[in-house]
Protein backbone atom coordinates (compact mmCIF):
# COMPACT_ATOMS: atom_id res chain seq x y z
CA MET A 1 0.00 0.00 0.00
CA ASP A 2 1.37 3.38 -1.01
CA GLU A 3 1.13 6.50 1.17
CA ASP A 4 -1.63 8.05 -0.95
CA ASP A 5 -3.81 4.92 -0.90
CA GLU A 6 -6.84 4.98 1.36
CA LEU A 7 -6.36 3.22 4.69
CA CYS A 8 -9.84 4.07 6.00
CA LEU A 9 -12.09 3.29 3.06
CA CYS A 10 -15.26 4.52 4.78
CA PHE A 11 -13.96 8.08 5.17
CA HIS A 12 -11.29 8.07 2.43
CA VAL A 13 -8.41 8.70 4.84
CA THR A 14 -5.05 8.00 3.24
CA ARG A 15 -2.13 6.25 4.85
CA ARG A 16 -0.17 9.50 4.50
CA LYS A 17 -2.75 11.43 6.57
CA VAL A 18 -2.74 8.79 9.30
CA ILE A 19 1.05 8.65 9.49
CA GLN A 20 1.28 12.44 9.64
CA TYR A 21 -1.36 12.54 12.38
CA ILE A 22 0.57 9.92 14.37
CA ARG A 23 3.83 11.87 14.05
CA VAL A 24 2.28 15.17 15.12
CA ASN A 25 -0.20 14.05 17.80
CA ARG A 26 1.44 10.88 19.18
CA PRO A 27 -1.79 8.96 19.91
CA THR A 28 -1.47 5.93 22.17
CA LEU A 29 -4.77 4.25 21.27
CA PRO A 30 -6.26 3.49 17.85
CA SER A 31 -9.50 5.18 18.94
CA GLN A 32 -7.63 8.48 19.14
CA LEU A 33 -7.19 8.33 15.37
CA SER A 34 -10.89 9.11 15.04
CA GLU A 35 -9.75 12.72 15.24
CA CYS A 36 -7.90 12.13 11.96
CA TYR A 37 -10.82 12.68 9.59
CA GLY A 38 -12.85 9.96 11.35
CA ALA A 39 -10.41 7.13 10.63
CA GLY A 40 -11.57 3.88 12.20
CA THR A 41 -15.09 5.02 13.05
CA GLY A 42 -16.95 3.47 10.11
CA CYS A 43 -17.10 -0.26 9.49
CA GLY A 44 -14.09 -1.05 11.71
CA TRP A 45 -12.05 -2.87 9.08
CA CYS A 46 -9.06 -0.54 9.34
CA ARG A 47 -8.77 -0.56 13.15
CA PRO A 48 -6.22 -3.43 13.34
CA PHE A 49 -4.10 -1.67 10.71
CA LEU A 50 -4.36 1.64 12.58
CA LYS A 51 -3.24 -0.14 15.74
CA ARG A 52 -0.21 -1.57 13.94
CA LEU A 53 0.75 1.91 12.72
CA ILE A 54 0.53 3.36 16.23
CA GLU A 55 2.58 0.55 17.77
CA GLU A 56 5.42 0.83 15.25
CA THR A 57 8.32 3.19 15.97
CA ASP A 58 8.29 4.29 12.34
CA PRO A 59 4.77 3.86 10.91
CA GLN A 60 6.12 3.98 7.37
CA ASP A 61 7.85 0.65 8.01
CA VAL A 62 4.55 -1.18 8.55
CA GLU A 63 3.79 -3.52 5.67
CA LEU A 64 0.17 -3.39 4.58
CA PRO A 65 -1.56 -5.40 1.85
CA ASP A 66 -1.73 -4.03 -1.67
CA VAL A 67 -4.78 -1.89 -2.47
CA ALA A 68 -6.73 -4.58 -4.34
CA THR A 69 -6.23 -7.20 -1.62
CA TYR A 70 -7.04 -4.69 1.11
CA ALA A 71 -10.30 -3.66 -0.59
CA ALA A 72 -11.30 -7.28 -1.34
CA ASN A 73 -10.69 -8.35 2.25
CA ARG A 74 -12.74 -5.39 3.47
CA ARG A 75 -15.63 -6.42 1.21
CA GLU A 76 -15.56 -9.89 2.75
CA TYR A 77 -15.40 -8.39 6.23
CA ARG A 78 -18.39 -6.14 5.53
CA ASN A 79 -20.40 -9.01 4.06
CA LYS A 80 -19.85 -11.03 7.24
CA THR A 81 -20.78 -8.16 9.58
CA THR A 82 -23.95 -7.05 7.82
């Protein structure tokens, strides 16, 4: 996943925005990222990925799936939860 790809698909929040928010605001809980354009407050799919970014010393080092895989897995997740 590139920096300009959407990490929170519900609210179209890019990985770049999340990483910048983490660097500036130093959140300690994934729920605090809700202040970053609502990231993590929609379907919930991105919350584990947001948690991984917060826990990493350098969030840019976190490996995330490619965009197509990420979106497909989210579709499956949403189908199971609705």
